[in-house]
Amino acid sequence: MNEKDKTKTEASGKTGSSLKRPRGFLSGLVRGIKKYDTKYGAEWWIMVAGIVIISVIVLSALFPALFTSFNPSDQNAGPQMAPPDAVHLFGTDNLNRDVFSRMIYGSRTILGVAILAALVSSFVGIPLGLLSGFVGGWFDRTLSLVMDSLYSFPGLILAIAFAAMLGPGVINITVAVAVIYIPTYFRLVRGQTLTIKEELYVEAAGAIGAKRWTILARYVFPNVIATVVVVFSLNIADAIMTEAALSYIGLGLAGGIPDWGMDLSMGKKFLPSGVWWMITFPGVMIMLLALGFTMLGEGLAEILNPKLLEK
């Protein structure tokens, strides 16, 4: 075979392999989906649906210019309270602002507050729960009393009290929302720690001379984190509703920041006049985002359940 034939053979081989790659990727993806569908069933699809919902809204929050060309604060975007059409997909509000752009940019606000509040509450509640359950004694009794006192209040009432005390603002509302979820992480992690520290492998680690902090970090915490991941997702879903409720009653953010709860509150005034889009779309977006994180949490709860994995 001469050099020209070799070149043609190599080129055709490369072309054939390049054509097979996409097909191979798709077949591998289908096999992976079938595998997880067989193993987890409906829980897998619940989790996937939640991930899709969250991903679309997060994408719109990160790259709003891809979805709308209007400024959410522009009071010359269109006619006043115009119904949805091809230009203004969700209509306009009483200040001539484009409702769709406010939904897109408002996703940044509600996602930022909810996720940051969940992170703050977990960073405080998880270490306190670990220490309380592992150390025990007066330290455990004191912390449990404080957390039970906070937990006894309805979450929204406690958030309203803190929001009224701290005032409006992103940081203040984040703190107000975060405080009400600290006892949730504390109680969960403390209960898990009390159970795990009695296991034989933990006692064996102590018997061979492992330090208490080593036992806590290497043997207790890794066995708690799976449950915390599930609670974290559900925590974000609840924080979304709480933040929207605070904004709805006027204890949320400043007026210049796009926020779904604030738009929902503004839209209710014009509902008797037949302006349904000002209240419908903010409500749907709040429900959809909270549903996405709830579905993610419920799917993870079933998938990470050891009893389910044994089937």
C-alpha atoms as a PDB file:
ATOM      1  CA  MET A   1       0.000   0.000   0.000  1.00  0.00           C
ATOM      2  CA  ASN A   2       1.456   3.322  -1.058  1.00  0.00           C
ATOM      3  CA  GLU A   3       1.566   6.489   1.058  1.00  0.00           C
ATOM      4  CA  LYS A   4      -1.532   7.970  -0.628  1.00  0.00           C
ATOM      5  CA  ASP A   5      -3.649   4.904   0.187  1.00  0.00           C
ATOM      6  CA  LYS A   6      -2.418   4.931   3.788  1.00  0.00           C
ATOM      7  CA  THR A   7      -3.377   8.571   4.120  1.00  0.00           C
ATOM      8  CA  LYS A   8      -6.873   7.886   2.778  1.00  0.00           C
ATOM      9  CA  THR A   9      -7.296   4.913   5.131  1.00  0.00           C
ATOM     10  CA  GLU A  10      -6.230   6.927   8.171  1.00  0.00           C
ATOM     11  CA  ALA A  11      -8.523   9.809   7.196  1.00  0.00           C
ATOM     12  CA  SER A  12     -11.487   7.518   6.723  1.00  0.00           C
ATOM     13  CA  GLY A  13     -10.725   5.841  10.075  1.00  0.00           C
ATOM     14  CA  LYS A  14     -10.642   9.199  11.841  1.00  0.00           C
ATOM     15  CA  THR A  15     -13.881  10.261  10.165  1.00  0.00           C
ATOM     16  CA  GLY A  16     -15.559   7.020  11.121  1.00  0.00           C
ATOM     17  CA  SER A  17     -14.449   7.333  14.751  1.00  0.00           C
ATOM     18  CA  SER A  18     -15.589  10.956  14.900  1.00  0.00           C
ATOM     19  CA  LEU A  19     -19.011   9.912  13.595  1.00  0.00           C
ATOM     20  CA  LYS A  20     -19.281   7.147  16.163  1.00  0.00           C
ATOM     21  CA  ARG A  21     -18.439   9.358  19.130  1.00  0.00           C
ATOM     22  CA  PRO A  22     -21.771  11.247  19.336  1.00  0.00           C
ATOM     23  CA  ARG A  23     -23.683   8.017  18.779  1.00  0.00           C
ATOM     24  CA  GLY A  24     -21.619   6.309  21.480  1.00  0.00           C
ATOM     25  CA  PHE A  25     -22.222   9.176  23.900  1.00  0.00           C
ATOM     26  CA  LEU A  26     -25.978   9.087  23.326  1.00  0.00           C
ATOM     27  CA  SER A  27     -26.150   5.314  23.725  1.00  0.00           C
ATOM     28  CA  GLY A  28     -24.124   5.571  26.935  1.00  0.00           C
ATOM     29  CA  LEU A  29     -26.456   8.291  28.205  1.00  0.00           C
ATOM     30  CA  VAL A  30     -29.517   6.169  27.423  1.00  0.00           C
ATOM     31  CA  ARG A  31     -27.969   3.158  29.174  1.00  0.00           C
ATOM     32  CA  GLY A  32     -27.186   5.304  32.210  1.00  0.00           C
ATOM     33  CA  ILE A  33     -30.754   6.629  32.346  1.00  0.00           C
ATOM     34  CA  LYS A  34     -32.173   3.102  32.070  1.00  0.00           C
ATOM     35  CA  LYS A  35     -29.822   1.915  34.804  1.00  0.00           C
ATOM     36  CA  TYR A  36     -30.870   4.584  37.292  1.00  0.00           C
ATOM     37  CA  ASP A  37     -34.526   4.262  36.266  1.00  0.00           C
ATOM     38  CA  THR A  38     -34.400   0.531  37.007  1.00  0.00           C
ATOM     39  CA  LYS A  39     -32.552   1.048  40.290  1.00  0.00           C
ATOM     40  CA  TYR A  40     -34.490   3.980  41.746  1.00  0.00           C
ATOM     41  CA  GLY A  41     -37.736   4.139  39.757  1.00  0.00           C
ATOM     42  CA  ALA A  42     -39.992   7.168  40.158  1.00  0.00           C
ATOM     43  CA  GLU A  43     -37.659   8.805  42.714  1.00  0.00           C
ATOM     44  CA  TRP A  44     -35.013   9.201  40.025  1.00  0.00           C
ATOM     45  CA  TRP A  45     -37.395  11.048  37.699  1.00  0.00           C
ATOM     46  CA  ILE A  46     -38.692  13.229  40.539  1.00  0.00           C
ATOM     47  CA  MET A  47     -35.123  14.314  41.251  1.00  0.00           C
ATOM     48  CA  VAL A  48     -34.367  14.877  37.550  1.00  0.00           C
ATOM     49  CA  ALA A  49     -37.509  16.995  37.135  1.00  0.00           C
ATOM     50  CA  GLY A  50     -36.470  19.098  40.121  1.00  0.00           C
ATOM     51  CA  ILE A  51     -32.976  19.548  38.713  1.00  0.00           C
ATOM     52  CA  VAL A  52     -34.371  20.661  35.336  1.00  0.00           C
ATOM     53  CA  ILE A  53     -36.669  23.266  36.936  1.00  0.00           C
ATOM     54  CA  ILE A  54     -33.878  24.603  39.137  1.00  0.00           C
ATOM     55  CA  SER A  55     -31.356  24.633  36.286  1.00  0.00           C
ATOM     56  CA  VAL A  56     -33.582  26.721  34.002  1.00  0.00           C
ATOM     57  CA  ILE A  57     -34.275  29.304  36.716  1.00  0.00           C
ATOM     58  CA  VAL A  58     -30.624  29.417  37.814  1.00  0.00           C
ATOM     59  CA  LEU A  59     -29.576  29.884  34.172  1.00  0.00           C
ATOM     60  CA  SER A  60     -31.975  32.812  33.834  1.00  0.00           C
ATOM     61  CA  ALA A  61     -30.588  34.308  37.042  1.00  0.00           C
ATOM     62  CA  LEU A  62     -26.981  34.003  35.875  1.00  0.00           C
ATOM     63  CA  PHE A  63     -27.546  35.135  32.289  1.00  0.00           C
ATOM     64  CA  PRO A  64     -30.671  37.322  32.253  1.00  0.00           C
ATOM     65  CA  ALA A  65     -29.682  39.020  28.984  1.00  0.00           C
ATOM     66  CA  LEU A  66     -30.224  35.705  27.181  1.00  0.00           C
ATOM     67  CA  PHE A  67     -33.895  35.728  28.148  1.00  0.00           C
ATOM     68  CA  THR A  68     -34.951  39.384  28.038  1.00  0.00           C
ATOM     69  CA  SER A  69     -33.747  42.677  26.597  1.00  0.00           C
ATOM     70  CA  PHE A  70     -35.783  44.836  28.992  1.00  0.00           C
ATOM     71  CA  ASN A  71     -34.502  46.454  32.163  1.00  0.00           C
ATOM     72  CA  PRO A  72     -36.660  45.397  35.147  1.00  0.00           C
ATOM     73  CA  SER A  73     -36.686  48.976  36.454  1.00  0.00           C
ATOM     74  CA  ASP A  74     -37.440  50.659  33.128  1.00  0.00           C
ATOM     75  CA  GLN A  75     -40.720  52.580  33.497  1.00  0.00           C
ATOM     76  CA  ASN A  76     -40.924  53.188  29.761  1.00  0.00           C
ATOM     77  CA  ALA A  77     -40.859  49.532  28.708  1.00  0.00           C
ATOM     78  CA  GLY A  78     -44.405  49.630  27.323  1.00  0.00           C
ATOM     79  CA  PRO A  79     -47.980  50.729  27.900  1.00  0.00           C
ATOM     80  CA  GLN A  80     -49.353  50.715  31.429  1.00  0.00           C
ATOM     81  CA  MET A  81     -50.778  47.352  32.564  1.00  0.00           C
ATOM     82  CA  ALA A  82     -50.758  45.894  29.057  1.00  0.00           C
ATOM     83  CA  PRO A  83     -51.773  42.215  28.861  1.00  0.00           C
ATOM     84  CA  PRO A  84     -49.272  39.559  27.727  1.00  0.00           C
ATOM     85  CA  ASP A  85     -48.382  39.721  24.036  1.00  0.00           C
ATOM     86  CA  ALA A  86     -45.506  38.901  21.679  1.00  0.00           C
ATOM     87  CA  VAL A  87     -43.394  41.828  22.901  1.00  0.00           C
ATOM     88  CA  HIS A  88     -44.187  41.652  26.624  1.00  0.00           C
ATOM     89  CA  LEU A  89     -44.608  37.937  27.296  1.00  0.00           C
ATOM     90  CA  PHE A  90     -45.963  38.464  30.819  1.00  0.00           C
ATOM     91  CA  GLY A  91     -47.473  41.906  30.195  1.00  0.00           C
ATOM     92  CA  THR A  92     -46.549  45.139  31.966  1.00  0.00           C
ATOM     93  CA  ASP A  93     -47.308  46.441  35.453  1.00  0.00           C
ATOM     94  CA  ASN A  94     -48.788  49.672  36.785  1.00  0.00           C
ATOM     95  CA  LEU A  95     -45.424  51.418  36.419  1.00  0.00           C
ATOM     96  CA  ASN A  96     -45.057  50.410  32.747  1.00  0.00           C
ATOM     97  CA  ARG A  97     -42.331  47.882  33.606  1.00  0.00           C
ATOM     98  CA  ASP A  98     -41.979  44.574  31.784  1.00  0.00           C
ATOM     99  CA  VAL A  99     -43.213  41.786  34.078  1.00  0.00           C
ATOM    100  CA  PHE A 100     -41.198  39.055  32.344  1.00  0.00           C
ATOM    101  CA  SER A 101     -37.921  40.916  32.896  1.00  0.00           C
ATOM    102  CA  ARG A 102     -38.860  41.378  36.559  1.00  0.00           C
ATOM    103  CA  MET A 103     -39.397  37.621  36.853  1.00  0.00           C
ATOM    104  CA  ILE A 104     -35.995  36.948  35.286  1.00  0.00           C
ATOM    105  CA  TYR A 105     -34.055  39.433  37.392  1.00  0.00           C
ATOM    106  CA  GLY A 106     -36.156  38.682  40.480  1.00  0.00           C
ATOM    107  CA  SER A 107     -34.881  35.095  40.384  1.00  0.00           C
ATOM    108  CA  ARG A 108     -31.465  36.443  41.385  1.00  0.00           C
ATOM    109  CA  THR A 109     -32.912  38.010  44.510  1.00  0.00           C
ATOM    110  CA  ILE A 110     -34.948  35.100  45.785  1.00  0.00           C
ATOM    111  CA  LEU A 111     -32.318  32.482  44.921  1.00  0.00           C
ATOM    112  CA  GLY A 112     -29.557  34.537  46.520  1.00  0.00           C
ATOM    113  CA  VAL A 113     -31.453  35.084  49.774  1.00  0.00           C
ATOM    114  CA  ALA A 114     -32.755  31.503  50.025  1.00  0.00           C
ATOM    115  CA  ILE A 115     -29.441  29.766  49.254  1.00  0.00           C
ATOM    116  CA  LEU A 116     -27.401  32.134  51.425  1.00  0.00           C
ATOM    117  CA  ALA A 117     -29.857  31.721  54.317  1.00  0.00           C
ATOM    118  CA  ALA A 118     -29.662  27.924  53.996  1.00  0.00           C
ATOM    119  CA  LEU A 119     -25.851  28.064  53.973  1.00  0.00           C
ATOM    120  CA  VAL A 120     -25.705  30.322  57.038  1.00  0.00           C
ATOM    121  CA  SER A 121     -28.156  28.189  59.018  1.00  0.00           C
ATOM    122  CA  SER A 122     -26.324  24.975  58.092  1.00  0.00           C
ATOM    123  CA  PHE A 123     -22.891  26.418  58.937  1.00  0.00           C
ATOM    124  CA  VAL A 124     -24.198  27.319  62.397  1.00  0.00           C
ATOM    125  CA  GLY A 125     -26.587  24.447  63.094  1.00  0.00           C
ATOM    126  CA  ILE A 126     -24.433  21.521  61.933  1.00  0.00           C
ATOM    127  CA  PRO A 127     -21.337  22.221  64.102  1.00  0.00           C
ATOM    128  CA  LEU A 128     -23.524  22.994  67.122  1.00  0.00           C
ATOM    129  CA  GLY A 129     -25.455  19.749  66.621  1.00  0.00           C
ATOM    130  CA  LEU A 130     -22.252  17.724  66.269  1.00  0.00           C
ATOM    131  CA  LEU A 131     -20.696  19.225  69.382  1.00  0.00           C
ATOM    132  CA  SER A 132     -23.865  18.997  71.429  1.00  0.00           C
ATOM    133  CA  GLY A 133     -24.504  15.344  70.622  1.00  0.00           C
ATOM    134  CA  PHE A 134     -20.880  14.285  70.922  1.00  0.00           C
ATOM    135  CA  VAL A 135     -19.875  16.206  74.058  1.00  0.00           C
ATOM    136  CA  GLY A 136     -23.137  15.798  75.992  1.00  0.00           C
ATOM    137  CA  GLY A 137     -23.505  16.920  79.586  1.00  0.00           C
ATOM    138  CA  TRP A 138     -24.445  20.470  80.545  1.00  0.00           C
ATOM    139  CA  PHE A 139     -23.317  21.774  77.164  1.00  0.00           C
ATOM    140  CA  ASP A 140     -25.828  19.544  75.379  1.00  0.00           C
ATOM    141  CA  ARG A 141     -28.647  20.406  77.798  1.00  0.00           C
ATOM    142  CA  THR A 142     -28.069  24.163  77.487  1.00  0.00           C
ATOM    143  CA  LEU A 143     -27.904  24.179  73.686  1.00  0.00           C
ATOM    144  CA  SER A 144     -30.920  21.875  73.390  1.00  0.00           C
ATOM    145  CA  LEU A 145     -32.942  24.191  75.626  1.00  0.00           C
ATOM    146  CA  VAL A 146     -32.040  27.237  73.513  1.00  0.00           C
ATOM    147  CA  MET A 147     -32.770  25.481  70.216  1.00  0.00           C
ATOM    148  CA  ASP A 148     -36.027  24.005  71.473  1.00  0.00           C
ATOM    149  CA  SER A 149     -37.092  27.487  72.535  1.00  0.00           C
ATOM    150  CA  LEU A 150     -36.477  28.801  69.029  1.00  0.00           C
ATOM    151  CA  TYR A 151     -38.095  25.748  67.447  1.00  0.00           C
ATOM    152  CA  SER A 152     -41.279  26.219  69.476  1.00  0.00           C
ATOM    153  CA  PHE A 153     -42.098  29.437  67.596  1.00  0.00           C
ATOM    154  CA  PRO A 154     -43.772  29.181  64.167  1.00  0.00           C
ATOM    155  CA  GLY A 155     -41.055  29.807  61.584  1.00  0.00           C
ATOM    156  CA  LEU A 156     -42.791  32.618  59.723  1.00  0.00           C
ATOM    157  CA  ILE A 157     -43.690  34.460  62.940  1.00  0.00           C
ATOM    158  CA  LEU A 158     -40.074  34.276  64.108  1.00  0.00           C
ATOM    159  CA  ALA A 159     -38.833  35.483  60.703  1.00  0.00           C
ATOM    160  CA  ILE A 160     -41.282  38.411  60.819  1.00  0.00           C
ATOM    161  CA  ALA A 161     -40.014  39.362  64.287  1.00  0.00           C
ATOM    162  CA  PHE A 162     -36.367  39.341  63.196  1.00  0.00           C
ATOM    163  CA  ALA A 163     -37.122  41.128  59.907  1.00  0.00           C
ATOM    164  CA  ALA A 164     -39.023  43.869  61.739  1.00  0.00           C
ATOM    165  CA  MET A 165     -36.178  44.227  64.215  1.00  0.00           C
ATOM    166  CA  LEU A 166     -33.352  44.250  61.647  1.00  0.00           C
ATOM    167  CA  GLY A 167     -35.095  46.274  58.944  1.00  0.00           C
ATOM    168  CA  PRO A 168     -35.103  45.852  55.143  1.00  0.00           C
ATOM    169  CA  GLY A 169     -32.054  44.800  53.151  1.00  0.00           C
ATOM    170  CA  VAL A 170     -30.612  41.671  51.569  1.00  0.00           C
ATOM    171  CA  ILE A 171     -28.286  40.851  54.487  1.00  0.00           C
ATOM    172  CA  ASN A 172     -30.932  41.550  57.133  1.00  0.00           C
ATOM    173  CA  ILE A 173     -33.558  39.408  55.424  1.00  0.00           C
ATOM    174  CA  THR A 174     -31.004  36.627  54.929  1.00  0.00           C
ATOM    175  CA  VAL A 175     -30.231  36.638  58.650  1.00  0.00           C
ATOM    176  CA  ALA A 176     -33.935  36.730  59.546  1.00  0.00           C
ATOM    177  CA  VAL A 177     -34.617  33.704  57.347  1.00  0.00           C
ATOM    178  CA  ALA A 178     -31.459  31.833  58.415  1.00  0.00           C
ATOM    179  CA  VAL A 179     -32.191  32.048  62.152  1.00  0.00           C
ATOM    180  CA  ILE A 180     -35.405  30.044  61.928  1.00  0.00           C
ATOM    181  CA  TYR A 181     -33.662  27.041  60.292  1.00  0.00           C
ATOM    182  CA  ILE A 182     -30.711  26.706  62.661  1.00  0.00           C
ATOM    183  CA  PRO A 183     -32.721  24.550  65.146  1.00  0.00           C
ATOM    184  CA  THR A 184     -33.717  22.217  62.278  1.00  0.00           C
ATOM    185  CA  TYR A 185     -30.087  21.374  61.474  1.00  0.00           C
ATOM    186  CA  PHE A 186     -29.206  21.249  65.158  1.00  0.00           C
ATOM    187  CA  ARG A 187     -31.915  18.750  66.079  1.00  0.00           C
ATOM    188  CA  LEU A 188     -31.258  16.546  63.063  1.00  0.00           C
ATOM    189  CA  VAL A 189     -27.466  16.431  63.436  1.00  0.00           C
ATOM    190  CA  ARG A 190     -27.610  16.047  67.230  1.00  0.00           C
ATOM    191  CA  GLY A 191     -29.967  13.064  66.953  1.00  0.00           C
ATOM    192  CA  GLN A 192     -27.783  11.411  64.333  1.00  0.00           C
ATOM    193  CA  THR A 193     -24.636  12.073  66.384  1.00  0.00           C
ATOM    194  CA  LEU A 194     -26.129  10.537  69.541  1.00  0.00           C
ATOM    195  CA  THR A 195     -26.850   7.360  67.566  1.00  0.00           C
ATOM    196  CA  ILE A 196     -23.592   7.153  65.638  1.00  0.00           C
ATOM    197  CA  LYS A 197     -21.284   7.752  68.588  1.00  0.00           C
ATOM    198  CA  GLU A 198     -22.597   4.527  70.181  1.00  0.00           C
ATOM    199  CA  GLU A 199     -21.604   2.427  67.163  1.00  0.00           C
ATOM    200  CA  LEU A 200     -18.863  -0.163  67.582  1.00  0.00           C
ATOM    201  CA  TYR A 201     -16.516   1.381  65.021  1.00  0.00           C
ATOM    202  CA  VAL A 202     -16.602   4.695  66.902  1.00  0.00           C
ATOM    203  CA  GLU A 203     -15.855   2.961  70.203  1.00  0.00           C
ATOM    204  CA  ALA A 204     -13.076   1.005  68.488  1.00  0.00           C
ATOM    205  CA  ALA A 205     -11.522   4.230  67.181  1.00  0.00           C
ATOM    206  CA  GLY A 206     -11.505   5.630  70.701  1.00  0.00           C
ATOM    207  CA  ALA A 207     -10.045   2.409  72.074  1.00  0.00           C
ATOM    208  CA  ILE A 208      -7.034   2.548  69.752  1.00  0.00           C
ATOM    209  CA  GLY A 209      -6.259   6.092  70.836  1.00  0.00           C
ATOM    210  CA  ALA A 210      -7.963   8.288  68.237  1.00  0.00           C
ATOM    211  CA  LYS A 211      -8.533  11.823  69.464  1.00  0.00           C
ATOM    212  CA  ARG A 212     -12.073  13.071  70.035  1.00  0.00           C
ATOM    213  CA  TRP A 213     -11.826  15.651  67.246  1.00  0.00           C
ATOM    214  CA  THR A 214     -10.545  12.971  64.865  1.00  0.00           C
ATOM    215  CA  ILE A 215     -13.446  10.684  65.730  1.00  0.00           C
ATOM    216  CA  LEU A 216     -15.904  13.526  65.251  1.00  0.00           C
ATOM    217  CA  ALA A 217     -14.445  14.595  61.895  1.00  0.00           C
ATOM    218  CA  ARG A 218     -13.647  11.198  60.363  1.00  0.00           C
ATOM    219  CA  TYR A 219     -16.269   8.837  61.770  1.00  0.00           C
ATOM    220  CA  VAL A 220     -19.300  10.838  62.883  1.00  0.00           C
ATOM    221  CA  PHE A 221     -19.617  13.751  60.457  1.00  0.00           C
ATOM    222  CA  PRO A 222     -19.339  11.691  57.193  1.00  0.00           C
ATOM    223  CA  ASN A 223     -22.266   9.556  58.330  1.00  0.00           C
ATOM    224  CA  VAL A 224     -24.400  12.629  59.057  1.00  0.00           C
ATOM    225  CA  ILE A 225     -23.780  14.577  55.868  1.00  0.00           C
ATOM    226  CA  ALA A 226     -26.032  12.451  53.610  1.00  0.00           C
ATOM    227  CA  THR A 227     -29.113  13.380  55.615  1.00  0.00           C
ATOM    228  CA  VAL A 228     -28.017  17.014  55.785  1.00  0.00           C
ATOM    229  CA  VAL A 229     -27.887  17.237  51.970  1.00  0.00           C
ATOM    230  CA  VAL A 230     -31.552  16.284  51.757  1.00  0.00           C
ATOM    231  CA  VAL A 231     -32.569  18.741  54.475  1.00  0.00           C
ATOM    232  CA  PHE A 232     -30.524  21.490  52.804  1.00  0.00           C
ATOM    233  CA  SER A 233     -32.500  21.170  49.576  1.00  0.00           C
ATOM    234  CA  LEU A 234     -35.839  21.186  51.409  1.00  0.00           C
ATOM    235  CA  ASN A 235     -34.581  24.091  53.524  1.00  0.00           C
ATOM    236  CA  ILE A 236     -34.021  26.195  50.387  1.00  0.00           C
ATOM    237  CA  ALA A 237     -37.565  25.427  49.210  1.00  0.00           C
ATOM    238  CA  ASP A 238     -38.993  26.607  52.524  1.00  0.00           C
ATOM    239  CA  ALA A 239     -36.694  29.653  52.594  1.00  0.00           C
ATOM    240  CA  ILE A 240     -38.029  30.695  49.174  1.00  0.00           C
ATOM    241  CA  MET A 241     -41.566  30.749  50.550  1.00  0.00           C
ATOM    242  CA  THR A 242     -40.463  32.593  53.688  1.00  0.00           C
ATOM    243  CA  GLU A 243     -38.568  35.275  51.784  1.00  0.00           C
ATOM    244  CA  ALA A 244     -41.532  35.789  49.451  1.00  0.00           C
ATOM    245  CA  ALA A 245     -43.881  36.060  52.427  1.00  0.00           C
ATOM    246  CA  LEU A 246     -41.687  38.686  54.115  1.00  0.00           C
ATOM    247  CA  SER A 247     -41.549  40.742  50.922  1.00  0.00           C
ATOM    248  CA  TYR A 248     -45.290  40.308  50.427  1.00  0.00           C
ATOM    249  CA  ILE A 249     -46.081  41.928  53.783  1.00  0.00           C
ATOM    250  CA  GLY A 250     -43.538  44.712  53.255  1.00  0.00           C
ATOM    251  CA  LEU A 251     -40.700  43.452  55.465  1.00  0.00           C
ATOM    252  CA  GLY A 252     -38.421  42.347  52.657  1.00  0.00           C
ATOM    253  CA  LEU A 253     -36.108  44.274  50.400  1.00  0.00           C
ATOM    254  CA  ALA A 254     -35.893  47.873  49.251  1.00  0.00           C
ATOM    255  CA  GLY A 255     -38.310  48.957  46.536  1.00  0.00           C
ATOM    256  CA  GLY A 256     -35.727  49.244  43.764  1.00  0.00           C
ATOM    257  CA  ILE A 257     -34.746  45.553  43.877  1.00  0.00           C
ATOM    258  CA  PRO A 258     -36.789  43.154  41.672  1.00  0.00           C
ATOM    259  CA  ASP A 259     -38.464  40.657  43.967  1.00  0.00           C
ATOM    260  CA  TRP A 260     -41.240  38.149  43.314  1.00  0.00           C
ATOM    261  CA  GLY A 261     -42.877  38.588  46.712  1.00  0.00           C
ATOM    262  CA  MET A 262     -43.013  42.365  46.306  1.00  0.00           C
ATOM    263  CA  ASP A 263     -44.472  42.047  42.795  1.00  0.00           C
ATOM    264  CA  LEU A 264     -47.039  39.595  44.129  1.00  0.00           C
ATOM    265  CA  SER A 265     -48.083  42.107  46.785  1.00  0.00           C
ATOM    266  CA  MET A 266     -48.333  44.904  44.203  1.00  0.00           C
ATOM    267  CA  GLY A 267     -50.324  42.770  41.784  1.00  0.00           C
ATOM    268  CA  LYS A 268     -53.083  41.904  44.253  1.00  0.00           C
ATOM    269  CA  LYS A 269     -54.246  45.548  44.258  1.00  0.00           C
ATOM    270  CA  PHE A 270     -55.129  45.377  40.574  1.00  0.00           C
ATOM    271  CA  LEU A 271     -56.658  41.898  40.473  1.00  0.00           C
ATOM    272  CA  PRO A 272     -60.243  43.202  40.971  1.00  0.00           C
ATOM    273  CA  SER A 273     -59.718  45.345  37.861  1.00  0.00           C
ATOM    274  CA  GLY A 274     -58.998  42.236  35.774  1.00  0.00           C
ATOM    275  CA  VAL A 275     -55.211  42.668  35.691  1.00  0.00           C
ATOM    276  CA  TRP A 276     -54.487  39.019  36.441  1.00  0.00           C
ATOM    277  CA  TRP A 277     -50.933  38.785  35.041  1.00  0.00           C
ATOM    278  CA  MET A 278     -49.338  41.005  37.692  1.00  0.00           C
ATOM    279  CA  ILE A 279     -50.181  38.520  40.433  1.00  0.00           C
ATOM    280  CA  THR A 280     -50.293  35.258  38.473  1.00  0.00           C
ATOM    281  CA  PHE A 281     -46.749  35.103  37.124  1.00  0.00           C
ATOM    282  CA  PRO A 282     -44.929  35.997  40.391  1.00  0.00           C
ATOM    283  CA  GLY A 283     -47.046  33.411  42.197  1.00  0.00           C
ATOM    284  CA  VAL A 284     -46.338  30.750  39.585  1.00  0.00           C
ATOM    285  CA  MET A 285     -42.584  31.450  39.687  1.00  0.00           C
ATOM    286  CA  ILE A 286     -42.465  31.213  43.494  1.00  0.00           C
ATOM    287  CA  MET A 287     -44.418  27.959  43.412  1.00  0.00           C
ATOM    288  CA  LEU A 288     -42.318  26.521  40.575  1.00  0.00           C
ATOM    289  CA  LEU A 289     -38.953  27.275  42.191  1.00  0.00           C
ATOM    290  CA  ALA A 290     -40.050  25.951  45.582  1.00  0.00           C
ATOM    291  CA  LEU A 291     -41.455  22.852  43.847  1.00  0.00           C
ATOM    292  CA  GLY A 292     -38.132  22.275  42.061  1.00  0.00           C
ATOM    293  CA  PHE A 293     -36.123  22.220  45.298  1.00  0.00           C
ATOM    294  CA  THR A 294     -38.796  20.128  47.020  1.00  0.00           C
ATOM    295  CA  MET A 295     -38.707  17.537  44.235  1.00  0.00           C
ATOM    296  CA  LEU A 296     -34.904  17.506  44.388  1.00  0.00           C
ATOM    297  CA  GLY A 297     -35.000  16.974  48.145  1.00  0.00           C
ATOM    298  CA  GLU A 298     -37.652  14.264  47.982  1.00  0.00           C
ATOM    299  CA  GLY A 299     -35.784  12.426  45.244  1.00  0.00           C
ATOM    300  CA  LEU A 300     -32.511  12.594  47.168  1.00  0.00           C
ATOM    301  CA  ALA A 301     -34.263  11.419  50.339  1.00  0.00           C
ATOM    302  CA  GLU A 302     -35.369   8.226  48.612  1.00  0.00           C
ATOM    303  CA  ILE A 303     -32.138   7.652  46.678  1.00  0.00           C
ATOM    304  CA  LEU A 304     -29.898   8.179  49.719  1.00  0.00           C
ATOM    305  CA  ASN A 305     -32.107   5.949  51.863  1.00  0.00           C
ATOM    306  CA  PRO A 306     -29.972   2.870  52.699  1.00  0.00           C
ATOM    307  CA  LYS A 307     -33.003   0.597  52.785  1.00  0.00           C
ATOM    308  CA  LEU A 308     -33.894   1.598  49.232  1.00  0.00           C
ATOM    309  CA  LEU A 309     -30.333   1.002  48.053  1.00  0.00           C
ATOM    310  CA  GLU A 310     -30.470  -2.561  49.412  1.00  0.00           C
ATOM    311  CA  LYS A 311     -33.386  -3.456  47.096  1.00  0.00           C
END
